[in-house]
PDB file of all heavy atoms in Angstrom:
ATOM      1  N   PRO A   1      20.196 -12.057   6.493  1.00  0.00           N
ATOM      2  CA  PRO A   1      19.724 -13.383   6.915  1.00  0.00           C
ATOM      3  C   PRO A   1      18.277 -13.412   7.400  1.00  0.00           C
ATOM      4  O   PRO A   1      17.569 -14.395   7.166  1.00  0.00           O
ATOM      5  CB  PRO A   1      20.696 -13.752   8.052  1.00  0.00           C
ATOM      6  CG  PRO A   1      21.937 -12.975   7.752  1.00  0.00           C
ATOM      7  CD  PRO A   1      21.476 -11.687   7.154  1.00  0.00           C
ATOM      8  N   ASP A   2      17.831 -12.351   8.097  1.00  0.00           N
ATOM      9  CA  ASP A   2      16.457 -12.354   8.614  1.00  0.00           C
ATOM     10  C   ASP A   2      15.427 -12.422   7.499  1.00  0.00           C
ATOM     11  O   ASP A   2      14.307 -12.907   7.707  1.00  0.00           O
ATOM     12  CB  ASP A   2      16.214 -11.103   9.462  1.00  0.00           C
ATOM     13  CG  ASP A   2      16.968 -11.133  10.774  1.00  0.00           C
ATOM     14  OD1 ASP A   2      17.435 -12.221  11.161  1.00  0.00           O
ATOM     15  OD2 ASP A   2      17.115 -10.059  11.405  1.00  0.00           O
ATOM     16  N   VAL A   3      15.806 -11.953   6.330  1.00  0.00           N
ATOM     17  CA  VAL A   3      14.916 -11.980   5.163  1.00  0.00           C
ATOM     18  C   VAL A   3      15.157 -13.238   4.330  1.00  0.00           C
ATOM     19  O   VAL A   3      14.206 -13.866   3.853  1.00  0.00           O
ATOM     20  CB  VAL A   3      15.130 -10.717   4.290  1.00  0.00           C
ATOM     21  CG1 VAL A   3      14.328 -10.812   2.994  1.00  0.00           C
ATOM     22  CG2 VAL A   3      14.746  -9.469   5.061  1.00  0.00           C
ATOM     23  N   PHE A   4      16.418 -13.595   4.157  1.00  0.00           N
ATOM     24  CA  PHE A   4      16.761 -14.669   3.226  1.00  0.00           C
ATOM     25  C   PHE A   4      16.568 -16.064   3.812  1.00  0.00           C
ATOM     26  O   PHE A   4      16.193 -17.000   3.088  1.00  0.00           O
ATOM     27  CB  PHE A   4      18.211 -14.508   2.757  1.00  0.00           C
ATOM     28  CG  PHE A   4      18.506 -15.198   1.459  1.00  0.00           C
ATOM     29  CD1 PHE A   4      18.042 -14.688   0.256  1.00  0.00           C
ATOM     30  CD2 PHE A   4      19.271 -16.369   1.431  1.00  0.00           C
ATOM     31  CE1 PHE A   4      18.322 -15.317  -0.953  1.00  0.00           C
ATOM     32  CE2 PHE A   4      19.551 -17.008   0.232  1.00  0.00           C
ATOM     33  CZ  PHE A   4      19.077 -16.479  -0.969  1.00  0.00           C
ATOM     34  N   GLU A   5      16.794 -16.227   5.110  1.00  0.00           N
ATOM     35  CA  GLU A   5      16.657 -17.561   5.692  1.00  0.00           C
ATOM     36  C   GLU A   5      15.223 -18.098   5.647  1.00  0.00           C
ATOM     37  O   GLU A   5      15.027 -19.289   5.401  1.00  0.00           O
ATOM     38  CB  GLU A   5      17.214 -17.584   7.113  1.00  0.00           C
ATOM     39  CG  GLU A   5      18.741 -17.565   7.127  1.00  0.00           C
ATOM     40  CD  GLU A   5      19.337 -17.697   8.512  1.00  0.00           C
ATOM     41  OE1 GLU A   5      18.587 -18.000   9.467  1.00  0.00           O
ATOM     42  OE2 GLU A   5      20.562 -17.486   8.658  1.00  0.00           O
ATOM     43  N   PRO A   6      14.185 -17.269   5.865  1.00  0.00           N
ATOM     44  CA  PRO A   6      12.823 -17.784   5.668  1.00  0.00           C
ATOM     45  C   PRO A   6      12.569 -18.240   4.233  1.00  0.00           C
ATOM     46  O   PRO A   6      11.864 -19.231   4.009  1.00  0.00           O
ATOM     47  CB  PRO A   6      11.943 -16.585   6.038  1.00  0.00           C
ATOM     48  CG  PRO A   6      12.764 -15.795   6.996  1.00  0.00           C
ATOM     49  CD  PRO A   6      14.173 -15.936   6.495  1.00  0.00           C
ATOM     50  N   PHE A   7      13.162 -17.530   3.251  1.00  0.00           N
ATOM     51  CA  PHE A   7      13.061 -17.974   1.857  1.00  0.00           C
ATOM     52  C   PHE A   7      13.731 -19.332   1.691  1.00  0.00           C
ATOM     53  O   PHE A   7      13.173 -20.236   1.047  1.00  0.00           O
ATOM     54  CB  PHE A   7      13.705 -16.963   0.908  1.00  0.00           C
ATOM     55  CG  PHE A   7      14.107 -17.573  -0.413  1.00  0.00           C
ATOM     56  CD1 PHE A   7      13.146 -17.895  -1.353  1.00  0.00           C
ATOM     57  CD2 PHE A   7      15.450 -17.868  -0.692  1.00  0.00           C
ATOM     58  CE1 PHE A   7      13.507 -18.502  -2.563  1.00  0.00           C
ATOM     59  CE2 PHE A   7      15.813 -18.458  -1.875  1.00  0.00           C
ATOM     60  CZ  PHE A   7      14.844 -18.775  -2.826  1.00  0.00           C
ATOM     61  N   LEU A   8      14.924 -19.484   2.248  1.00  0.00           N
ATOM     62  CA  LEU A   8      15.660 -20.740   2.134  1.00  0.00           C
ATOM     63  C   LEU A   8      14.828 -21.903   2.675  1.00  0.00           C
ATOM     64  O   LEU A   8      14.696 -22.949   2.021  1.00  0.00           O
ATOM     65  CB  LEU A   8      16.985 -20.630   2.901  1.00  0.00           C
ATOM     66  CG  LEU A   8      17.823 -21.906   3.020  1.00  0.00           C
ATOM     67  CD1 LEU A   8      18.301 -22.370   1.656  1.00  0.00           C
ATOM     68  CD2 LEU A   8      19.016 -21.678   3.960  1.00  0.00           C
ATOM     69  N   ARG A   9      14.234 -21.691   3.844  1.00  0.00           N
ATOM     70  CA  ARG A   9      13.454 -22.776   4.455  1.00  0.00           C
ATOM     71  C   ARG A   9      12.199 -23.078   3.632  1.00  0.00           C
ATOM     72  O   ARG A   9      11.823 -24.239   3.442  1.00  0.00           O
ATOM     73  CB  ARG A   9      13.082 -22.380   5.883  1.00  0.00           C
ATOM     74  CG  ARG A   9      12.465 -23.508   6.683  1.00  0.00           C
ATOM     75  CD  ARG A   9      12.632 -23.271   8.154  1.00  0.00           C
ATOM     76  NE  ARG A   9      11.956 -24.282   8.947  1.00  0.00           N
ATOM     77  CZ  ARG A   9      12.233 -24.559  10.198  1.00  0.00           C
ATOM     78  NH1 ARG A   9      13.207 -23.913  10.809  1.00  0.00           N
ATOM     79  NH2 ARG A   9      11.564 -25.481  10.861  1.00  0.00           N
ATOM     80  N   ASP A  10      11.562 -22.041   3.105  1.00  0.00           N
ATOM     81  CA  ASP A  10      10.364 -22.221   2.285  1.00  0.00           C
ATOM     82  C   ASP A  10      10.711 -22.936   0.977  1.00  0.00           C
ATOM     83  O   ASP A  10       9.959 -23.794   0.507  1.00  0.00           O
ATOM     84  CB  ASP A  10       9.724 -20.863   1.994  1.00  0.00           C
ATOM     85  CG  ASP A  10       8.330 -21.000   1.419  1.00  0.00           C
ATOM     86  OD1 ASP A  10       7.395 -21.275   2.194  1.00  0.00           O
ATOM     87  OD2 ASP A  10       8.171 -20.840   0.191  1.00  0.00           O
ATOM     88  N   TYR A  11      11.846 -22.575   0.400  1.00  0.00           N
ATOM     89  CA  TYR A  11      12.325 -23.221  -0.828  1.00  0.00           C
ATOM     90  C   TYR A  11      12.544 -24.715  -0.603  1.00  0.00           C
ATOM     91  O   TYR A  11      12.120 -25.559  -1.415  1.00  0.00           O
ATOM     92  CB  TYR A  11      13.616 -22.522  -1.265  1.00  0.00           C
ATOM     93  CG  TYR A  11      14.502 -23.295  -2.209  1.00  0.00           C
ATOM     94  CD1 TYR A  11      14.125 -23.513  -3.535  1.00  0.00           C
ATOM     95  CD2 TYR A  11      15.731 -23.786  -1.779  1.00  0.00           C
ATOM     96  CE1 TYR A  11      14.954 -24.207  -4.403  1.00  0.00           C
ATOM     97  CE2 TYR A  11      16.573 -24.477  -2.634  1.00  0.00           C
ATOM     98  CZ  TYR A  11      16.175 -24.691  -3.949  1.00  0.00           C
ATOM     99  OH  TYR A  11      17.004 -25.366  -4.799  1.00  0.00           O
ATOM    100  N   LEU A  12      13.182 -25.070   0.513  1.00  0.00           N
ATOM    101  CA  LEU A  12      13.443 -26.467   0.813  1.00  0.00           C
ATOM    102  C   LEU A  12      12.148 -27.238   1.068  1.00  0.00           C
ATOM    103  O   LEU A  12      12.019 -28.400   0.662  1.00  0.00           O
ATOM    104  CB  LEU A  12      14.369 -26.578   2.027  1.00  0.00           C
ATOM    105  CG  LEU A  12      15.782 -26.023   1.837  1.00  0.00           C
ATOM    106  CD1 LEU A  12      16.533 -25.999   3.161  1.00  0.00           C
ATOM    107  CD2 LEU A  12      16.548 -26.832   0.799  1.00  0.00           C
ATOM    108  N   GLU A  13      11.197 -26.602   1.703  1.00  0.00           N
ATOM    109  CA  GLU A  13       9.912 -27.254   1.961  1.00  0.00           C
ATOM    110  C   GLU A  13       9.124 -27.440   0.664  1.00  0.00           C
ATOM    111  O   GLU A  13       8.513 -28.485   0.429  1.00  0.00           O
ATOM    112  CB  GLU A  13       9.099 -26.421   2.956  1.00  0.00           C
ATOM    113  CG  GLU A  13       7.708 -26.966   3.258  1.00  0.00           C
ATOM    114  CD  GLU A  13       7.721 -28.325   3.940  1.00  0.00           C
ATOM    115  OE1 GLU A  13       8.718 -28.652   4.625  1.00  0.00           O
ATOM    116  OE2 GLU A  13       6.724 -29.067   3.781  1.00  0.00           O
ATOM    117  N   THR A  14       9.156 -26.440  -0.201  1.00  0.00           N
ATOM    118  CA  THR A  14       8.396 -26.485  -1.451  1.00  0.00           C
ATOM    119  C   THR A  14       8.935 -27.532  -2.417  1.00  0.00           C
ATOM    120  O   THR A  14       8.172 -28.236  -3.082  1.00  0.00           O
ATOM    121  CB  THR A  14       8.412 -25.102  -2.131  1.00  0.00           C
ATOM    122  OG1 THR A  14       7.826 -24.139  -1.247  1.00  0.00           O
ATOM    123  CG2 THR A  14       7.631 -25.117  -3.439  1.00  0.00           C
ATOM    124  N   TYR A  15      10.259 -27.674  -2.492  1.00  0.00           N
ATOM    125  CA  TYR A  15      10.861 -28.564  -3.490  1.00  0.00           C
ATOM    126  C   TYR A  15      11.398 -29.867  -2.900  1.00  0.00           C
ATOM    127  O   TYR A  15      12.110 -30.599  -3.584  1.00  0.00           O
ATOM    128  CB  TYR A  15      11.974 -27.827  -4.230  1.00  0.00           C
ATOM    129  CG  TYR A  15      11.435 -26.847  -5.243  1.00  0.00           C
ATOM    130  CD1 TYR A  15      11.286 -25.501  -4.919  1.00  0.00           C
ATOM    131  CD2 TYR A  15      11.027 -27.272  -6.509  1.00  0.00           C
ATOM    132  CE1 TYR A  15      10.766 -24.607  -5.839  1.00  0.00           C
ATOM    133  CE2 TYR A  15      10.512 -26.381  -7.436  1.00  0.00           C
ATOM    134  CZ  TYR A  15      10.388 -25.047  -7.095  1.00  0.00           C
ATOM    135  OH  TYR A  15       9.864 -24.158  -8.004  1.00  0.00           O
ATOM    136  N   LYS A  16      11.041 -30.188  -1.649  1.00  0.00           N
ATOM    137  CA  LYS A  16      11.525 -31.440  -1.072  1.00  0.00           C
ATOM    138  C   LYS A  16      11.025 -32.630  -1.895  1.00  0.00           C
ATOM    139  O   LYS A  16       9.918 -32.605  -2.439  1.00  0.00           O
ATOM    140  CB  LYS A  16      11.111 -31.571   0.391  1.00  0.00           C
ATOM    141  CG  LYS A  16       9.617 -31.691   0.643  1.00  0.00           C
ATOM    142  CD  LYS A  16       9.354 -31.783   2.138  1.00  0.00           C
ATOM    143  CE  LYS A  16       7.852 -31.891   2.430  1.00  0.00           C
ATOM    144  NZ  LYS A  16       7.584 -31.933   3.885  1.00  0.00           N
ATOM    145  N   TYR A  17      11.880 -33.641  -2.006  1.00  0.00           N
ATOM    146  CA  TYR A  17      11.663 -34.853  -2.793  1.00  0.00           C
ATOM    147  C   TYR A  17      11.688 -34.596  -4.304  1.00  0.00           C
ATOM    148  O   TYR A  17      11.386 -35.497  -5.083  1.00  0.00           O
ATOM    149  CB  TYR A  17      10.338 -35.552  -2.424  1.00  0.00           C
ATOM    150  CG  TYR A  17      10.096 -35.700  -0.947  1.00  0.00           C
ATOM    151  CD1 TYR A  17       8.947 -35.210  -0.355  1.00  0.00           C
ATOM    152  CD2 TYR A  17      11.032 -36.340  -0.127  1.00  0.00           C
ATOM    153  CE1 TYR A  17       8.719 -35.343   1.010  1.00  0.00           C
ATOM    154  CE2 TYR A  17      10.820 -36.477   1.231  1.00  0.00           C
ATOM    155  CZ  TYR A  17       9.660 -35.975   1.795  1.00  0.00           C
ATOM    156  OH  TYR A  17       9.452 -36.110   3.139  1.00  0.00           O
ATOM    157  N   LYS A  18      12.051 -33.383  -4.717  1.00  0.00           N
ATOM    158  CA  LYS A  18      12.027 -33.039  -6.143  1.00  0.00           C
ATOM    159  C   LYS A  18      13.427 -32.675  -6.639  1.00  0.00           C
ATOM    160  O   LYS A  18      14.341 -32.411  -5.866  1.00  0.00           O
ATOM    161  CB  LYS A  18      11.079 -31.851  -6.386  1.00  0.00           C
ATOM    162  CG  LYS A  18       9.631 -32.121  -5.990  1.00  0.00           C
ATOM    163  CD  LYS A  18       8.781 -30.861  -6.146  1.00  0.00           C
ATOM    164  CE  LYS A  18       7.349 -31.105  -5.671  1.00  0.00           C
ATOM    165  NZ  LYS A  18       6.532 -29.867  -5.716  1.00  0.00           N
ATOM    166  N   SER A  19      13.551 -32.643  -7.962  1.00  0.00           N
ATOM    167  CA  SER A  19      14.763 -32.152  -8.625  1.00  0.00           C
ATOM    168  C   SER A  19      14.379 -30.957  -9.477  1.00  0.00           C
ATOM    169  O   SER A  19      13.300 -30.937 -10.075  1.00  0.00           O
ATOM    170  CB  SER A  19      15.371 -33.248  -9.505  1.00  0.00           C
ATOM    171  OG  SER A  19      15.690 -34.391  -8.754  1.00  0.00           O
ATOM    172  N   LEU A  20      15.264 -29.967  -9.557  1.00  0.00           N
ATOM    173  CA  LEU A  20      14.945 -28.758 -10.319  1.00  0.00           C
ATOM    174  C   LEU A  20      16.202 -28.192 -10.945  1.00  0.00           C
ATOM    175  O   LEU A  20      17.327 -28.564 -10.596  1.00  0.00           O
ATOM    176  CB  LEU A  20      14.255 -27.720  -9.442  1.00  0.00           C
ATOM    177  CG  LEU A  20      15.112 -26.881  -8.475  1.00  0.00           C
ATOM    178  CD1 LEU A  20      14.317 -25.658  -8.021  1.00  0.00           C
ATOM    179  CD2 LEU A  20      15.583 -27.668  -7.282  1.00  0.00           C
ATOM    180  N   ASN A  21      15.993 -27.273 -11.905  1.00  0.00           N
ATOM    181  CA  ASN A  21      17.122 -26.608 -12.550  1.00  0.00           C
ATOM    182  C   ASN A  21      17.202 -25.154 -12.108  1.00  0.00           C
ATOM    183  O   ASN A  21      16.359 -24.664 -11.339  1.00  0.00           O
ATOM    184  CB  ASN A  21      17.031 -26.736 -14.074  1.00  0.00           C
ATOM    185  CG  ASN A  21      15.781 -26.076 -14.645  1.00  0.00           C
ATOM    186  OD1 ASN A  21      15.329 -25.034 -14.175  1.00  0.00           O
ATOM    187  ND2 ASN A  21      15.207 -26.681 -15.679  1.00  0.00           N
ATOM    188  N   THR A  22      18.194 -24.449 -12.602  1.00  0.00           N
ATOM    189  CA  THR A  22      18.469 -23.088 -12.147  1.00  0.00           C
ATOM    190  C   THR A  22      17.333 -22.127 -12.489  1.00  0.00           C
ATOM    191  O   THR A  22      16.988 -21.251 -11.684  1.00  0.00           O
ATOM    192  CB  THR A  22      19.792 -22.591 -12.763  1.00  0.00           C
ATOM    193  OG1 THR A  22      20.847 -23.455 -12.311  1.00  0.00           O
ATOM    194  CG2 THR A  22      20.096 -21.171 -12.353  1.00  0.00           C
ATOM    195  N   LEU A  23      16.757 -22.277 -13.670  1.00  0.00           N
ATOM    196  CA  LEU A  23      15.670 -21.367 -14.052  1.00  0.00           C
ATOM    197  C   LEU A  23      14.447 -21.571 -13.160  1.00  0.00           C
ATOM    198  O   LEU A  23      13.754 -20.597 -12.818  1.00  0.00           O
ATOM    199  CB  LEU A  23      15.303 -21.563 -15.520  1.00  0.00           C
ATOM    200  CG  LEU A  23      16.360 -21.087 -16.530  1.00  0.00           C
ATOM    201  CD1 LEU A  23      15.872 -21.314 -17.963  1.00  0.00           C
ATOM    202  CD2 LEU A  23      16.694 -19.607 -16.316  1.00  0.00           C
ATOM    203  N   GLN A  24      14.159 -22.811 -12.776  1.00  0.00           N
ATOM    204  CA  GLN A  24      13.048 -23.058 -11.853  1.00  0.00           C
ATOM    205  C   GLN A  24      13.323 -22.411 -10.499  1.00  0.00           C
ATOM    206  O   GLN A  24      12.422 -21.834  -9.887  1.00  0.00           O
ATOM    207  CB  GLN A  24      12.833 -24.564 -11.683  1.00  0.00           C
ATOM    208  CG  GLN A  24      12.251 -25.253 -12.898  1.00  0.00           C
ATOM    209  CD  GLN A  24      12.253 -26.758 -12.743  1.00  0.00           C
ATOM    210  OE1 GLN A  24      13.307 -27.401 -12.647  1.00  0.00           O
ATOM    211  NE2 GLN A  24      11.073 -27.347 -12.688  1.00  0.00           N
ATOM    212  N   TRP A  25      14.569 -22.521 -10.033  1.00  0.00           N
ATOM    213  CA  TRP A  25      14.939 -21.873  -8.772  1.00  0.00           C
ATOM    214  C   TRP A  25      14.800 -20.357  -8.882  1.00  0.00           C
ATOM    215  O   TRP A  25      14.256 -19.704  -7.988  1.00  0.00           O
ATOM    216  CB  TRP A  25      16.368 -22.242  -8.400  1.00  0.00           C
ATOM    217  CG  TRP A  25      16.919 -21.336  -7.336  1.00  0.00           C
ATOM    218  CD1 TRP A  25      16.664 -21.392  -6.002  1.00  0.00           C
ATOM    219  CD2 TRP A  25      17.760 -20.195  -7.532  1.00  0.00           C
ATOM    220  NE1 TRP A  25      17.303 -20.366  -5.353  1.00  0.00           N
ATOM    221  CE2 TRP A  25      17.986 -19.620  -6.268  1.00  0.00           C
ATOM    222  CE3 TRP A  25      18.349 -19.615  -8.651  1.00  0.00           C
ATOM    223  CZ2 TRP A  25      18.773 -18.485  -6.104  1.00  0.00           C
ATOM    224  CZ3 TRP A  25      19.137 -18.496  -8.496  1.00  0.00           C
ATOM    225  CH2 TRP A  25      19.347 -17.941  -7.223  1.00  0.00           C
ATOM    226  N   LYS A  26      15.269 -19.789  -9.965  1.00  0.00           N
ATOM    227  CA  LYS A  26      15.197 -18.340 -10.160  1.00  0.00           C
ATOM    228  C   LYS A  26      13.739 -17.878 -10.189  1.00  0.00           C
ATOM    229  O   LYS A  26      13.386 -16.871  -9.563  1.00  0.00           O
ATOM    230  CB  LYS A  26      15.902 -17.957 -11.461  1.00  0.00           C
ATOM    231  CG  LYS A  26      15.873 -16.465 -11.761  1.00  0.00           C
ATOM    232  CD  LYS A  26      16.450 -16.173 -13.133  1.00  0.00           C
ATOM    233  CE  LYS A  26      16.192 -14.727 -13.538  1.00  0.00           C
ATOM    234  NZ  LYS A  26      16.615 -14.457 -14.932  1.00  0.00           N
ATOM    235  N   ASP A  27      12.890 -18.607 -10.899  1.00  0.00           N
ATOM    236  CA  ASP A  27      11.462 -18.249 -10.950  1.00  0.00           C
ATOM    237  C   ASP A  27      10.852 -18.266  -9.556  1.00  0.00           C
ATOM    238  O   ASP A  27      10.037 -17.394  -9.213  1.00  0.00           O
ATOM    239  CB  ASP A  27      10.699 -19.225 -11.855  1.00  0.00           C
ATOM    240  CG  ASP A  27      10.998 -19.010 -13.331  1.00  0.00           C
ATOM    241  OD1 ASP A  27      11.535 -17.934 -13.681  1.00  0.00           O
ATOM    242  OD2 ASP A  27      10.688 -19.912 -14.129  1.00  0.00           O
ATOM    243  N   TYR A  28      11.255 -19.258  -8.737  1.00  0.00           N
ATOM    244  CA  TYR A  28      10.708 -19.342  -7.386  1.00  0.00           C
ATOM    245  C   TYR A  28      11.192 -18.181  -6.523  1.00  0.00           C
ATOM    246  O   TYR A  28      10.443 -17.646  -5.699  1.00  0.00           O
ATOM    247  CB  TYR A  28      11.073 -20.675  -6.739  1.00  0.00           C
ATOM    248  CG  TYR A  28      10.320 -20.902  -5.456  1.00  0.00           C
ATOM    249  CD1 TYR A  28       8.969 -21.226  -5.477  1.00  0.00           C
ATOM    250  CD2 TYR A  28      10.938 -20.754  -4.214  1.00  0.00           C
ATOM    251  CE1 TYR A  28       8.255 -21.417  -4.306  1.00  0.00           C
ATOM    252  CE2 TYR A  28      10.232 -20.938  -3.039  1.00  0.00           C
ATOM    253  CZ  TYR A  28       8.894 -21.256  -3.090  1.00  0.00           C
ATOM    254  OH  TYR A  28       8.188 -21.424  -1.938  1.00  0.00           O
ATOM    255  N   LEU A  29      12.445 -17.791  -6.722  1.00  0.00           N
ATOM    256  CA  LEU A  29      12.995 -16.645  -5.995  1.00  0.00           C
ATOM    257  C   LEU A  29      12.186 -15.384  -6.300  1.00  0.00           C
ATOM    258  O   LEU A  29      11.803 -14.628  -5.393  1.00  0.00           O
ATOM    259  CB  LEU A  29      14.460 -16.435  -6.384  1.00  0.00           C
ATOM    260  CG  LEU A  29      15.202 -15.279  -5.705  1.00  0.00           C
ATOM    261  CD1 LEU A  29      15.474 -15.615  -4.235  1.00  0.00           C
ATOM    262  CD2 LEU A  29      16.519 -14.984  -6.417  1.00  0.00           C
ATOM    263  N   PHE A  30      11.890 -15.145  -7.572  1.00  0.00           N
ATOM    264  CA  PHE A  30      11.093 -13.971  -7.970  1.00  0.00           C
ATOM    265  C   PHE A  30       9.679 -14.073  -7.411  1.00  0.00           C
ATOM    266  O   PHE A  30       9.100 -13.068  -6.975  1.00  0.00           O
ATOM    267  CB  PHE A  30      11.052 -13.878  -9.498  1.00  0.00           C
ATOM    268  CG  PHE A  30      12.208 -13.140 -10.108  1.00  0.00           C
ATOM    269  CD1 PHE A  30      13.491 -13.662 -10.063  1.00  0.00           C
ATOM    270  CD2 PHE A  30      12.016 -11.914 -10.721  1.00  0.00           C
ATOM    271  CE1 PHE A  30      14.563 -12.985 -10.615  1.00  0.00           C
ATOM    272  CE2 PHE A  30      13.086 -11.222 -11.287  1.00  0.00           C
ATOM    273  CZ  PHE A  30      14.363 -11.763 -11.231  1.00  0.00           C
ATOM    274  N   GLU A  31       9.144 -15.278  -7.408  1.00  0.00           N
ATOM    275  CA  GLU A  31       7.784 -15.474  -6.894  1.00  0.00           C
ATOM    276  C   GLU A  31       7.719 -15.214  -5.388  1.00  0.00           C
ATOM    277  O   GLU A  31       6.738 -14.651  -4.886  1.00  0.00           O
ATOM    278  CB  GLU A  31       7.349 -16.915  -7.198  1.00  0.00           C
ATOM    279  CG  GLU A  31       5.946 -17.273  -6.738  1.00  0.00           C
ATOM    280  CD  GLU A  31       5.638 -18.741  -6.977  1.00  0.00           C
ATOM    281  OE1 GLU A  31       6.074 -19.274  -8.011  1.00  0.00           O
ATOM    282  OE2 GLU A  31       4.972 -19.356  -6.118  1.00  0.00           O
ATOM    283  N   TYR A  32       8.770 -15.591  -4.660  1.00  0.00           N
ATOM    284  CA  TYR A  32       8.773 -15.438  -3.203  1.00  0.00           C
ATOM    285  C   TYR A  32       8.935 -13.987  -2.787  1.00  0.00           C
ATOM    286  O   TYR A  32       8.424 -13.586  -1.741  1.00  0.00           O
ATOM    287  CB  TYR A  32       9.904 -16.288  -2.606  1.00  0.00           C
ATOM    288  CG  TYR A  32       9.910 -16.283  -1.085  1.00  0.00           C
ATOM    289  CD1 TYR A  32       9.146 -17.203  -0.372  1.00  0.00           C
ATOM    290  CD2 TYR A  32      10.667 -15.353  -0.372  1.00  0.00           C
ATOM    291  CE1 TYR A  32       9.140 -17.206   1.018  1.00  0.00           C
ATOM    292  CE2 TYR A  32      10.668 -15.344   1.014  1.00  0.00           C
ATOM    293  CZ  TYR A  32       9.899 -16.263   1.700  1.00  0.00           C
ATOM    294  OH  TYR A  32       9.893 -16.247   3.068  1.00  0.00           O
ATOM    295  N   PHE A  33       9.650 -13.199  -3.584  1.00  0.00           N
ATOM    296  CA  PHE A  33       9.933 -11.803  -3.232  1.00  0.00           C
ATOM    297  C   PHE A  33       9.238 -10.835  -4.191  1.00  0.00           C
ATOM    298  O   PHE A  33       9.898 -10.068  -4.911  1.00  0.00           O
ATOM    299  CB  PHE A  33      11.447 -11.546  -3.258  1.00  0.00           C
ATOM    300  CG  PHE A  33      12.210 -12.176  -2.140  1.00  0.00           C
ATOM    301  CD1 PHE A  33      13.059 -13.251  -2.386  1.00  0.00           C
ATOM    302  CD2 PHE A  33      12.093 -11.697  -0.838  1.00  0.00           C
ATOM    303  CE1 PHE A  33      13.791 -13.831  -1.349  1.00  0.00           C
ATOM    304  CE2 PHE A  33      12.816 -12.279   0.202  1.00  0.00           C
ATOM    305  CZ  PHE A  33      13.656 -13.351  -0.057  1.00  0.00           C
ATOM    306  N   PRO A  34       7.899 -10.821  -4.219  1.00  0.00           N
ATOM    307  CA  PRO A  34       7.201  -9.916  -5.153  1.00  0.00           C
ATOM    308  C   PRO A  34       7.452  -8.438  -4.848  1.00  0.00           C
ATOM    309  O   PRO A  34       7.360  -7.602  -5.743  1.00  0.00           O
ATOM    310  CB  PRO A  34       5.725 -10.286  -4.959  1.00  0.00           C
ATOM    311  CG  PRO A  34       5.654 -10.870  -3.579  1.00  0.00           C
ATOM    312  CD  PRO A  34       6.949 -11.600  -3.394  1.00  0.00           C
ATOM    313  N   ASP A  35       7.798  -8.147  -3.590  1.00  0.00           N
ATOM    314  CA  ASP A  35       8.046  -6.755  -3.210  1.00  0.00           C
ATOM    315  C   ASP A  35       9.488  -6.314  -3.489  1.00  0.00           C
ATOM    316  O   ASP A  35       9.838  -5.155  -3.243  1.00  0.00           O
ATOM    317  CB  ASP A  35       7.740  -6.551  -1.717  1.00  0.00           C
ATOM    318  CG  ASP A  35       8.546  -7.484  -0.826  1.00  0.00           C
ATOM    319  OD1 ASP A  35       8.881  -8.603  -1.294  1.00  0.00           O
ATOM    320  OD2 ASP A  35       8.851  -7.120   0.321  1.00  0.00           O
ATOM    321  N   LYS A  36      10.307  -7.228  -4.002  1.00  0.00           N
ATOM    322  CA  LYS A  36      11.709  -6.885  -4.261  1.00  0.00           C
ATOM    323  C   LYS A  36      12.081  -7.131  -5.721  1.00  0.00           C
ATOM    324  O   LYS A  36      13.251  -7.364  -6.054  1.00  0.00           O
ATOM    325  CB  LYS A  36      12.623  -7.699  -3.337  1.00  0.00           C
ATOM    326  CG  LYS A  36      12.403  -7.394  -1.846  1.00  0.00           C
ATOM    327  CD  LYS A  36      13.350  -8.162  -0.961  1.00  0.00           C
ATOM    328  CE  LYS A  36      13.066  -7.921   0.515  1.00  0.00           C
ATOM    329  NZ  LYS A  36      13.334  -6.533   0.928  1.00  0.00           N
ATOM    330  N   LEU A  37      11.093  -7.068  -6.603  1.00  0.00           N
ATOM    331  CA  LEU A  37      11.344  -7.372  -8.004  1.00  0.00           C
ATOM    332  C   LEU A  37      12.321  -6.392  -8.647  1.00  0.00           C
ATOM    333  O   LEU A  37      13.130  -6.783  -9.494  1.00  0.00           O
ATOM    334  CB  LEU A  37      10.024  -7.392  -8.791  1.00  0.00           C
ATOM    335  CG  LEU A  37       9.040  -8.524  -8.429  1.00  0.00           C
ATOM    336  CD1 LEU A  37       7.802  -8.451  -9.301  1.00  0.00           C
ATOM    337  CD2 LEU A  37       9.717  -9.882  -8.575  1.00  0.00           C
ATOM    338  N   GLU A  38      12.255  -5.139  -8.258  1.00  0.00           N
ATOM    339  CA  GLU A  38      13.161  -4.150  -8.855  1.00  0.00           C
ATOM    340  C   GLU A  38      14.610  -4.462  -8.501  1.00  0.00           C
ATOM    341  O   GLU A  38      15.511  -4.323  -9.333  1.00  0.00           O
ATOM    342  CB  GLU A  38      12.789  -2.737  -8.382  1.00  0.00           C
ATOM    343  CG  GLU A  38      11.452  -2.236  -8.940  1.00  0.00           C
ATOM    344  CD  GLU A  38      11.382  -2.323 -10.459  1.00  0.00           C
ATOM    345  OE1 GLU A  38      12.341  -1.871 -11.123  1.00  0.00           O
ATOM    346  OE2 GLU A  38      10.399  -2.885 -10.969  1.00  0.00           O
ATOM    347  N   LEU A  39      14.832  -4.886  -7.253  1.00  0.00           N
ATOM    348  CA  LEU A  39      16.188  -5.283  -6.860  1.00  0.00           C
ATOM    349  C   LEU A  39      16.655  -6.504  -7.653  1.00  0.00           C
ATOM    350  O   LEU A  39      17.782  -6.549  -8.150  1.00  0.00           O
ATOM    351  CB  LEU A  39      16.227  -5.615  -5.365  1.00  0.00           C
ATOM    352  CG  LEU A  39      16.322  -4.452  -4.370  1.00  0.00           C
ATOM    353  CD1 LEU A  39      16.201  -4.981  -2.952  1.00  0.00           C
ATOM    354  CD2 LEU A  39      17.643  -3.710  -4.547  1.00  0.00           C
TER     355      LEU A  39
END
């Protein structure tokens, strides 16, 4: 949670008032965690 909850909050702030699909969400997840790409 200490790692994932900041991502969750950033995701909600970035996409507020918008609609998106799963691939857009996945791309944002990879973009947010550049140091965890191998995982």
